Amino acid sequence: MYIGGLDIGGTKCAALVGRLEGGSLSVCARVQFPTPGSPEATLEGLEEALCEVAREVGIAPESLAAIGVSCGGPLDSKTGRVLSPPNLSGWDDVPVCERMEKRFGVPCGLQNDANACALAEWRFGAGQGLKHMAFLTFGTGLGAGLILDGRLYAGANDNAGEVGHVRLSALGPVGYGKAGSFEGFCSGGGLAQLARTRAYEAIQQGRPFAFCPNTAALEELSAKSVAMAANAGDADACAIYEECGAWLGRGLAVLVDILNPEAIVIGSVYARSEHLLREAALRELSREALPGAAAVCRILPAALGDAIGDYAALSVAANLLAEA
């Protein structure tokens, strides 16, 4: 069975065809292109790209079993409409699914990127076989997708899982427009903010960091550069990741106490730097969460790696078929 996937991003889009066989999914063909300036041009490009990858696989696009769309929110998954995402200018109430269903004559589903990634890890990654799971993006920002009682839970209007907005401290890095938020402490941008603050404090005290010797170097700091320093054994860089890990553990404790999941799967920064974050995160989780709930919850790195974006869009289609 072949399914289609469309990944709509602020800078690039992708169209994919995947093959479902039993409980496994494989990506058969993929094409990527820069996101055009308007919804109409983007959707036309996606339609052409999906036809192209279908031909590459040797099938007619109309023979796809379903099409899944992954896109940044806000959106309405029930009606398949994109509702003015901040990274997609001009996408005001765009009926993506209606258009794709008319063009290809097959069912189409739409989910925000966090929910789509949660479906991917649940069906084909680290969360296979679980009934209760949360997925944390931990990338440029921090969002969550929730699998509760064996189904994706999106909430009353697709706002479930916006854990990055939760304030963990009155002061701290800014994320999601809020100082001290979960996203402020636990995202690529948040890690960079933590690093700049700690480095600036050290420079003012006359103790520059080895990986940030002066104020001119502050803006060059990133989660990646600090991770490189930490992996090389730099004590200051390791301390920054440990601080991030501690805040991650406190945020995880909130999810564990409220949701009582079997696992929390964490992507991107955590999946790449688990060894720098895990110990502090588990220490704080153990300290803050209810013991019974913490005992049944595993903290796992995402298993799909850099391919998760491709699997995410296709998993929306797979989930649509599974729930039909």
Foldseek 3Di string as FASTA:
>chain_A
DKEKFWEDELFKIKIWIWDDDPLAIDTQDMDMDTQDQEPVVRLVVRVVRNQVNCVVVPHGLLPHQEFFYEAADDDAQVQQAHDDDVSRPHRHGHNNQVVVCVVNVHGYTYAYNQQLLVLLCCRHWVNDPWQWEKEWALEQFTWIWTRHRNHTDQPPGNPPGRQQQAAPDQAAADGPNHGRGLRLLGHFNNLLVLLLVVQVVCVVVVHHFPLGRDNVCSVVGTLVSLLVCVVVPRPSSLVSLLSSLLSLLQSVQVCLQVRLTQEYEYEDSCLVPVVSRVVNSVVNVCVRHDPVSNVRYYYHYIGCHPCSSVSSRRSSGVVVVVVD
